[in-house]
Amino acid sequence: MSDRFQNLINSEKPVLVDFYADWCVPCRLMTPVLKTVKEDLRDQVRIVKVNVDRNPVLASRYNIRSIPTLMLFRRGHPHWTRQGVPSSAEIHENLSAHL
């Protein structure tokens, strides 16, 4: 997944990555929040979920120490990071500066 992931985040379009695990209860709370964000922003941002248990190399590379963690990438570089479960309004506010 590493090469595919790198190609994905190198995009001009911002990519919001949700680092999560299946066993993580707060991670499950992100699904409806991210759905709302996707509905609000439509094609302005791509949202991708990365399971840290299945992709430990990626989690290590981006220093993911707690989940859920959201990271916004553009042209391969992280521009915003948030741990925990933010509201869709908080995500939208932070993303709008990068769209």
Protein backbone atom coordinates (compact mmCIF):
# COMPACT_ATOMS: atom_id res chain seq x y z
CA MET A 1 0.00 0.00 0.00
CA SER A 2 2.93 2.34 0.53
CA ASP A 3 3.48 3.16 -3.17
CA ARG A 4 -0.25 3.49 -3.77
CA PHE A 5 -0.57 5.71 -0.72
CA GLN A 6 2.31 7.93 -1.83
CA ASN A 7 0.75 8.34 -5.29
CA LEU A 8 -2.58 9.19 -3.69
CA ILE A 9 -1.27 11.89 -1.34
CA ASN A 10 0.87 13.48 -4.08
CA SER A 11 -2.34 14.73 -5.66
CA GLU A 12 -3.15 18.40 -6.23
CA LYS A 13 -6.53 17.67 -4.66
CA PRO A 14 -6.27 17.61 -0.85
CA VAL A 15 -6.47 14.14 0.67
CA LEU A 16 -7.85 13.72 4.17
CA VAL A 17 -6.56 10.50 5.72
CA ASP A 18 -8.31 8.88 8.65
CA PHE A 19 -5.85 6.61 10.49
CA TYR A 20 -7.97 4.13 12.45
CA ALA A 21 -8.30 0.56 13.75
CA ASP A 22 -11.32 -1.74 13.68
CA TRP A 23 -11.21 -2.30 17.45
CA CYS A 24 -11.13 1.45 18.24
CA VAL A 25 -14.52 2.70 19.46
CA PRO A 26 -13.78 6.43 18.92
CA CYS A 27 -12.64 5.55 15.39
CA ARG A 28 -16.12 4.27 14.63
CA LEU A 29 -17.51 7.68 15.57
CA MET A 30 -15.52 9.22 12.71
CA THR A 31 -17.55 7.48 9.99
CA PRO A 32 -20.67 9.70 10.22
CA VAL A 33 -18.51 12.80 10.76
CA LEU A 34 -16.47 12.10 7.63
CA LYS A 35 -19.63 11.32 5.68
CA THR A 36 -20.94 14.80 6.53
CA VAL A 37 -17.62 16.37 5.53
CA LYS A 38 -17.69 14.51 2.21
CA GLU A 39 -21.26 15.64 1.55
CA ASP A 40 -20.32 19.26 2.34
CA LEU A 41 -17.11 19.38 0.32
CA ARG A 42 -18.06 16.96 -2.45
CA ASP A 43 -15.20 16.79 -4.98
CA GLN A 44 -12.95 19.34 -3.25
CA VAL A 45 -11.27 16.74 -1.04
CA ARG A 46 -10.66 13.01 -1.17
CA ILE A 47 -11.19 11.07 2.06
CA VAL A 48 -9.24 7.86 2.65
CA LYS A 49 -9.21 5.48 5.60
CA VAL A 50 -5.98 3.72 6.61
CA ASN A 51 -6.15 0.84 9.07
CA VAL A 52 -3.05 1.15 11.29
CA ASP A 53 -3.10 -2.56 12.17
CA ARG A 54 -2.91 -3.53 8.49
CA ASN A 55 -0.51 -0.71 7.58
CA PRO A 56 1.95 -0.34 10.48
CA VAL A 57 4.68 1.04 8.22
CA LEU A 58 2.49 3.97 7.19
CA ALA A 59 1.42 4.57 10.78
CA SER A 60 5.06 4.64 11.83
CA ARG A 61 6.14 6.84 8.91
CA TYR A 62 3.58 9.50 9.88
CA ASN A 63 4.17 9.11 13.62
CA ILE A 64 0.63 7.98 14.42
CA ARG A 65 0.63 7.44 18.18
CA SER A 66 -3.09 7.60 18.93
CA ILE A 67 -6.18 6.90 16.91
CA PRO A 68 -8.24 8.20 15.37
CA THR A 69 -5.85 10.65 13.75
CA LEU A 70 -6.78 12.77 10.76
CA MET A 71 -4.09 14.14 8.44
CA LEU A 72 -4.62 16.41 5.47
CA PHE A 73 -2.12 15.95 2.65
CA ARG A 74 -1.52 18.05 -0.42
CA ARG A 75 1.23 17.37 -2.93
CA GLY A 76 2.63 14.71 -0.61
CA HIS A 77 3.00 16.91 2.46
CA PRO A 78 0.88 16.95 5.62
CA HIS A 79 -0.78 20.33 6.19
CA TRP A 80 -3.04 19.61 9.16
CA THR A 81 -3.26 16.90 11.81
CA ARG A 82 -5.92 16.27 14.43
CA GLN A 83 -6.14 13.45 16.95
CA GLY A 84 -9.42 12.39 18.48
CA VAL A 85 -12.92 12.89 17.14
CA PRO A 86 -13.46 16.45 15.92
CA SER A 87 -16.82 17.74 14.76
CA SER A 88 -17.54 18.05 11.06
CA ALA A 89 -17.60 21.84 11.53
CA GLU A 90 -14.07 21.81 12.97
CA ILE A 91 -12.80 19.64 10.12
CA HIS A 92 -14.54 21.81 7.54
CA GLU A 93 -13.06 24.98 9.08
CA ASN A 94 -9.54 23.60 9.02
CA LEU A 95 -9.85 22.12 5.54
CA SER A 96 -11.24 25.30 4.01
CA ALA A 97 -7.84 26.99 4.41
CA HIS A 98 -6.32 24.31 2.17
CA LEU A 99 -8.93 24.03 -0.57
